[in-house]
Amino acid sequence: MISENTKGAFLISLAAACYVMSDIFMKFLSSEISIFQITFLRGLLVTFFLFSYCYISKASFFVKEWKDRLVIAIRSILEVIMTYTFLAALFNMNVANANAILQLIPLMVLLGSFAFLRQSPKTHEWIAVLVGCLGALIIIRPGALDFNFFTIHALVAVLCLAARDLLTVRLNKNIPSNIVAFYSALMLTLASFLLSKDTMYLGELRNSYFILYTAIFVSIGYIASVAAMRFGDVTFVSPFRYTALLWATVMGFIFFNEIPKFTTLLGGFIIILAGVYIFYKSKENRKVS
């Protein structure tokens, strides 16, 4: 029997890989159309895919409890802000650099769990957070030429993602993950439609099929990330997001010939080390208990 934590770890790793692949195709499209046009076109497909999946699986679109509706609404708003801020950073930074900053998410989730989930912080968890912050400072390097307006965008995306994951824990587990993902995709699509002022013609895109690719990857990522945070222990599952940095480094080199700076890799490694440290200490504590 596979444990819920193992399932959660696999799902978050799958989500990380899918999001990076979606980012690759989004970055290709950024040279042809605006960020709002891209998210709208992708959102149409993602919403359709998720709606079809919900319909086929006979999942109810009606959420009974008003508290769950509120959580889904706030979670969806955070998803919208996160998407725009991260894509703005991605379109103006190396793929690996933008994703390296995202590696702070598990540590931010950990901090949030202390404050909002009333979990008591342990000494090793505080050590991991402080070490992770050191890694982040090495990546961001305030005052250096690489630190700019778009770096701040990436940091805002980190805060939104961490808050989103913490809210997801609050949801009733009887609500299907695909329903939660559907409402997030729907809100993002509507927001993109309202914010996009220009007319969109798919025929003018040289790589219009990239819209389909990014929609497929982000759809899988949506469902996998929601399921992972709901069915696995949040402090156990979150560190497996770090696999995204490996994917981002490899894919950025293959598609854009991007070579991350040493400080980016060093900072990312330190953050990952902090996350792995939490993982092993948590495992030891479970064995003792």
Protein backbone atom coordinates (compact mmCIF):
# COMPACT_ATOMS: atom_id res chain seq x y z
CA MET A 1 0.00 0.00 0.00
CA ILE A 2 1.44 3.36 -1.06
CA SER A 3 1.29 5.95 1.73
CA GLU A 4 -0.41 9.32 1.28
CA ASN A 5 2.93 11.09 1.74
CA THR A 6 4.50 9.05 -1.06
CA LYS A 7 1.58 9.86 -3.34
CA GLY A 8 1.85 13.53 -2.41
CA ALA A 9 5.60 13.56 -3.13
CA PHE A 10 5.08 11.98 -6.54
CA LEU A 11 2.23 14.35 -7.42
CA ILE A 12 4.13 17.52 -6.43
CA SER A 13 7.17 16.32 -8.42
CA LEU A 14 4.93 15.70 -11.43
CA ALA A 15 3.35 19.13 -11.01
CA ALA A 16 6.79 20.78 -10.84
CA ALA A 17 7.88 19.12 -14.10
CA CYS A 18 4.63 20.05 -15.86
CA TYR A 19 4.79 23.68 -14.75
CA VAL A 20 8.38 24.03 -16.01
CA MET A 21 7.43 22.58 -19.41
CA SER A 22 4.46 24.94 -19.56
CA ASP A 23 6.79 27.85 -18.72
CA ILE A 24 9.09 26.90 -21.61
CA PHE A 25 6.30 27.14 -24.18
CA MET A 26 4.91 30.30 -22.56
CA LYS A 27 8.31 31.97 -22.87
CA PHE A 28 8.44 31.10 -26.58
CA LEU A 29 5.02 32.73 -27.05
CA SER A 30 5.97 35.87 -25.11
CA SER A 31 7.81 37.25 -28.15
CA GLU A 32 4.60 37.13 -30.22
CA ILE A 33 1.68 38.18 -27.99
CA SER A 34 1.10 39.88 -24.62
CA ILE A 35 1.01 38.13 -21.26
CA PHE A 36 -2.76 38.61 -20.95
CA GLN A 37 -3.38 37.22 -24.44
CA ILE A 38 -1.27 34.17 -23.67
CA THR A 39 -2.99 33.46 -20.35
CA PHE A 40 -6.42 33.98 -21.93
CA LEU A 41 -5.81 31.61 -24.85
CA ARG A 42 -4.19 29.05 -22.60
CA GLY A 43 -6.92 29.54 -20.03
CA LEU A 44 -9.66 28.76 -22.53
CA LEU A 45 -8.11 25.39 -23.27
CA VAL A 46 -7.23 24.63 -19.64
CA THR A 47 -10.76 25.50 -18.50
CA PHE A 48 -12.22 23.30 -21.25
CA PHE A 49 -9.92 20.39 -20.36
CA LEU A 50 -10.72 20.63 -16.66
CA PHE A 51 -14.46 21.07 -17.28
CA SER A 52 -14.44 17.97 -19.47
CA TYR A 53 -12.51 16.02 -16.86
CA CYS A 54 -14.92 17.10 -14.11
CA TYR A 55 -17.93 16.21 -16.28
CA ILE A 56 -16.57 12.78 -17.24
CA SER A 57 -15.67 11.99 -13.62
CA LYS A 58 -19.15 13.20 -12.58
CA ALA A 59 -17.74 15.63 -10.06
CA SER A 60 -20.23 18.12 -8.67
CA PHE A 61 -19.50 21.75 -9.53
CA PHE A 62 -21.59 22.90 -6.56
CA VAL A 63 -19.67 23.50 -3.33
CA LYS A 64 -22.02 23.20 -0.35
CA GLU A 65 -20.19 24.95 2.48
CA TRP A 66 -19.75 28.73 2.21
CA LYS A 67 -16.36 28.45 3.95
CA ASP A 68 -15.12 26.16 1.20
CA ARG A 69 -16.48 28.56 -1.44
CA LEU A 70 -14.60 31.42 0.21
CA VAL A 71 -11.37 29.40 0.35
CA ILE A 72 -11.70 28.46 -3.33
CA ALA A 73 -12.39 32.09 -4.28
CA ILE A 74 -9.39 33.47 -2.35
CA ARG A 75 -7.22 30.62 -3.58
CA SER A 76 -8.20 31.42 -7.18
CA ILE A 77 -7.39 35.12 -6.73
CA LEU A 78 -3.96 34.19 -5.38
CA GLU A 79 -3.50 31.92 -8.40
CA VAL A 80 -4.23 34.84 -10.74
CA ILE A 81 -1.76 37.19 -9.01
CA MET A 82 0.87 34.45 -8.85
CA THR A 83 0.51 33.65 -12.56
CA TYR A 84 0.92 37.24 -13.76
CA THR A 85 3.81 38.08 -11.45
CA PHE A 86 5.73 34.89 -12.17
CA LEU A 87 5.22 35.09 -15.94
CA ALA A 88 6.38 38.72 -15.91
CA ALA A 89 9.55 37.53 -14.15
CA LEU A 90 9.95 34.50 -16.42
CA PHE A 91 9.66 36.55 -19.61
CA ASN A 92 12.45 38.85 -18.42
CA MET A 93 14.75 36.41 -16.60
CA ASN A 94 16.46 33.11 -17.28
CA VAL A 95 14.19 30.09 -16.74
CA ALA A 96 16.52 28.66 -14.08
CA ASN A 97 16.86 32.02 -12.25
CA ALA A 98 13.09 32.52 -12.02
CA ASN A 99 12.53 28.95 -10.86
CA ALA A 100 15.40 29.15 -8.36
CA ILE A 101 13.52 31.90 -6.51
CA LEU A 102 10.41 29.71 -6.52
CA GLN A 103 12.32 27.12 -4.51
CA LEU A 104 11.61 29.32 -1.48
CA ILE A 105 7.97 28.18 -1.54
CA PRO A 106 8.35 25.12 0.75
CA LEU A 107 10.13 27.24 3.36
CA MET A 108 7.45 29.93 3.11
CA VAL A 109 4.80 27.22 3.49
CA LEU A 110 6.64 26.02 6.57
CA LEU A 111 6.68 29.52 8.06
CA GLY A 112 3.02 29.94 7.20
CA SER A 113 2.15 26.64 8.87
CA PHE A 114 3.66 27.99 12.10
CA ALA A 115 1.56 31.16 11.92
CA PHE A 116 -1.74 29.97 10.41
CA LEU A 117 -1.96 26.22 11.02
CA ARG A 118 -0.77 26.57 14.63
CA GLN A 119 2.03 24.07 14.20
CA SER A 120 4.78 24.31 16.79
CA PRO A 121 8.14 25.04 15.14
CA LYS A 122 11.02 22.71 16.02
CA THR A 123 14.67 23.72 16.23
CA HIS A 124 15.63 21.93 13.00
CA GLU A 125 12.79 23.68 11.16
CA TRP A 126 14.02 27.12 12.25
CA ILE A 127 17.53 26.16 11.16
CA ALA A 128 16.21 25.10 7.75
CA VAL A 129 14.28 28.34 7.29
CA LEU A 130 17.33 30.47 8.14
CA VAL A 131 19.59 28.44 5.83
CA GLY A 132 16.98 28.69 3.07
CA CYS A 133 16.82 32.46 3.46
CA LEU A 134 20.60 32.57 3.10
CA GLY A 135 20.30 30.63 -0.15
CA ALA A 136 17.65 33.06 -1.36
CA LEU A 137 19.89 36.06 -0.63
CA ILE A 138 22.68 34.44 -2.65
CA ILE A 139 20.32 33.98 -5.62
CA ILE A 140 18.69 37.40 -5.43
CA ARG A 141 21.82 39.36 -4.39
CA PRO A 142 20.18 42.69 -3.47
CA GLY A 143 22.19 45.53 -4.94
CA ALA A 144 23.65 43.44 -7.75
CA LEU A 145 22.85 44.11 -11.40
CA ASP A 146 20.69 40.97 -11.58
CA PHE A 147 18.40 42.28 -8.83
CA ASN A 148 15.66 44.24 -10.55
CA PHE A 149 11.95 44.91 -10.74
CA PHE A 150 11.25 41.43 -12.12
CA THR A 151 13.06 39.75 -9.23
CA ILE A 152 10.46 41.37 -6.97
CA HIS A 153 7.76 39.92 -9.22
CA ALA A 154 9.16 36.43 -8.61
CA LEU A 155 9.18 37.03 -4.83
CA VAL A 156 5.52 38.15 -4.92
CA ALA A 157 4.72 34.93 -6.82
CA VAL A 158 6.42 32.93 -4.04
CA LEU A 159 4.28 34.56 -1.35
CA CYS A 160 1.08 33.98 -3.35
CA LEU A 161 1.93 30.34 -4.00
CA ALA A 162 2.73 29.68 -0.35
CA ALA A 163 -0.53 31.31 0.76
CA ARG A 164 -2.42 29.31 -1.88
CA ASP A 165 -1.00 26.01 -0.64
CA LEU A 166 -1.78 26.82 2.98
CA LEU A 167 -5.37 27.66 2.03
CA THR A 168 -5.68 24.40 0.10
CA VAL A 169 -5.05 22.48 3.33
CA ARG A 170 -8.19 24.11 4.76
CA LEU A 171 -10.47 22.66 2.06
CA ASN A 172 -12.86 19.81 2.73
CA LYS A 173 -11.23 16.66 1.33
CA ASN A 174 -14.56 15.57 -0.11
CA ILE A 175 -14.27 18.34 -2.72
CA PRO A 176 -12.57 16.83 -5.80
CA SER A 177 -9.17 18.29 -6.69
CA ASN A 178 -10.22 18.78 -10.32
CA ILE A 179 -13.09 21.05 -9.21
CA VAL A 180 -10.71 23.26 -7.24
CA ALA A 181 -8.36 23.41 -10.23
CA PHE A 182 -11.26 24.19 -12.58
CA TYR A 183 -12.36 27.25 -10.62
CA SER A 184 -8.77 28.55 -10.48
CA ALA A 185 -8.42 28.17 -14.25
CA LEU A 186 -11.81 29.79 -14.85
CA MET A 187 -10.97 32.87 -12.76
CA LEU A 188 -7.60 33.29 -14.47
CA THR A 189 -9.24 33.06 -17.90
CA LEU A 190 -11.89 35.65 -17.03
CA ALA A 191 -9.28 38.01 -15.53
CA SER A 192 -7.09 37.67 -18.64
CA PHE A 193 -10.05 38.40 -20.91
CA LEU A 194 -10.89 41.58 -18.98
CA LEU A 195 -7.27 42.76 -18.89
CA SER A 196 -6.48 42.01 -22.52
CA LYS A 197 -7.30 44.99 -24.72
CA ASP A 198 -6.02 43.73 -28.07
CA THR A 199 -7.77 41.43 -30.50
CA MET A 200 -6.24 37.96 -30.65
CA TYR A 201 -5.75 36.06 -33.89
CA LEU A 202 -4.37 32.57 -33.59
CA GLY A 203 -3.58 32.61 -37.29
CA GLU A 204 -0.94 35.28 -36.71
CA LEU A 205 0.98 33.09 -34.26
CA ARG A 206 3.97 31.27 -35.73
CA ASN A 207 3.75 28.65 -32.99
CA SER A 208 0.03 28.52 -32.23
CA TYR A 209 0.26 24.83 -31.29
CA PHE A 210 2.42 25.89 -28.31
CA ILE A 211 -0.80 27.16 -26.73
CA LEU A 212 -2.09 23.58 -26.75
CA TYR A 213 1.12 22.19 -25.28
CA THR A 214 1.27 24.68 -22.42
CA ALA A 215 -2.45 24.14 -21.68
CA ILE A 216 -1.99 20.37 -21.41
CA PHE A 217 1.01 20.67 -19.10
CA VAL A 218 -0.54 23.31 -16.84
CA SER A 219 -3.80 21.31 -16.59
CA ILE A 220 -1.91 18.29 -15.29
CA GLY A 221 0.08 20.58 -12.99
CA TYR A 222 -3.07 22.17 -11.55
CA ILE A 223 -4.67 18.85 -10.61
CA ALA A 224 -1.45 17.26 -9.34
CA SER A 225 -0.50 20.23 -7.12
CA VAL A 226 -3.97 20.47 -5.54
CA ALA A 227 -4.09 16.72 -4.86
CA ALA A 228 -0.55 16.70 -3.44
CA MET A 229 -1.23 19.41 -0.85
CA ARG A 230 -4.48 17.80 0.26
CA PHE A 231 -3.47 14.17 0.64
CA GLY A 232 0.12 14.44 1.89
CA ASP A 233 1.65 16.07 4.95
CA VAL A 234 2.44 19.66 3.92
CA THR A 235 5.95 19.74 5.46
CA PHE A 236 6.80 16.35 3.90
CA VAL A 237 5.43 17.02 0.42
CA SER A 238 6.57 20.63 -0.16
CA PRO A 239 10.34 19.94 -0.44
CA PHE A 240 9.71 17.79 -3.53
CA ARG A 241 8.97 21.01 -5.39
CA TYR A 242 12.74 21.40 -5.57
CA THR A 243 12.82 19.04 -8.54
CA ALA A 244 11.59 22.03 -10.57
CA LEU A 245 15.04 23.65 -10.37
CA LEU A 246 16.64 20.64 -12.05
CA TRP A 247 14.02 20.67 -14.80
CA ALA A 248 14.34 24.44 -15.26
CA THR A 249 18.13 24.29 -15.54
CA VAL A 250 18.08 21.48 -18.10
CA MET A 251 15.17 22.83 -20.16
CA GLY A 252 16.49 26.40 -20.09
CA PHE A 253 19.79 25.19 -21.54
CA ILE A 254 18.16 22.96 -24.18
CA PHE A 255 15.60 25.46 -25.47
CA PHE A 256 17.21 28.86 -24.79
CA ASN A 257 20.89 28.02 -24.38
CA GLU A 258 20.74 29.57 -20.90
CA ILE A 259 23.58 28.81 -18.49
CA PRO A 260 22.70 29.70 -14.90
CA LYS A 261 25.23 31.72 -12.93
CA PHE A 262 27.20 30.00 -10.19
CA THR A 263 25.41 32.05 -7.51
CA THR A 264 22.03 30.86 -8.80
CA LEU A 265 23.05 27.22 -8.61
CA LEU A 266 24.76 27.69 -5.23
CA GLY A 267 21.77 29.47 -3.72
CA GLY A 268 19.39 26.90 -5.17
CA PHE A 269 21.52 24.07 -3.77
CA ILE A 270 21.51 25.66 -0.30
CA ILE A 271 17.71 26.03 -0.37
CA ILE A 272 17.31 22.43 -1.52
CA LEU A 273 19.69 21.30 1.22
CA ALA A 274 17.50 23.06 3.78
CA GLY A 275 14.41 21.32 2.44
CA VAL A 276 16.06 17.89 2.42
CA TYR A 277 17.22 18.51 5.98
CA ILE A 278 13.60 19.08 7.05
CA PHE A 279 12.59 15.89 5.23
CA TYR A 280 15.12 13.68 7.01
CA LYS A 281 14.54 15.22 10.44
CA SER A 282 10.78 14.74 10.03
CA LYS A 283 11.38 11.13 9.02
CA GLU A 284 13.53 10.54 12.10
CA ASN A 285 10.88 12.07 14.36
CA ARG A 286 8.23 9.75 12.89
CA LYS A 287 10.42 6.72 13.62
CA VAL A 288 10.93 7.85 17.22
CA SER A 289 7.23 8.44 17.76
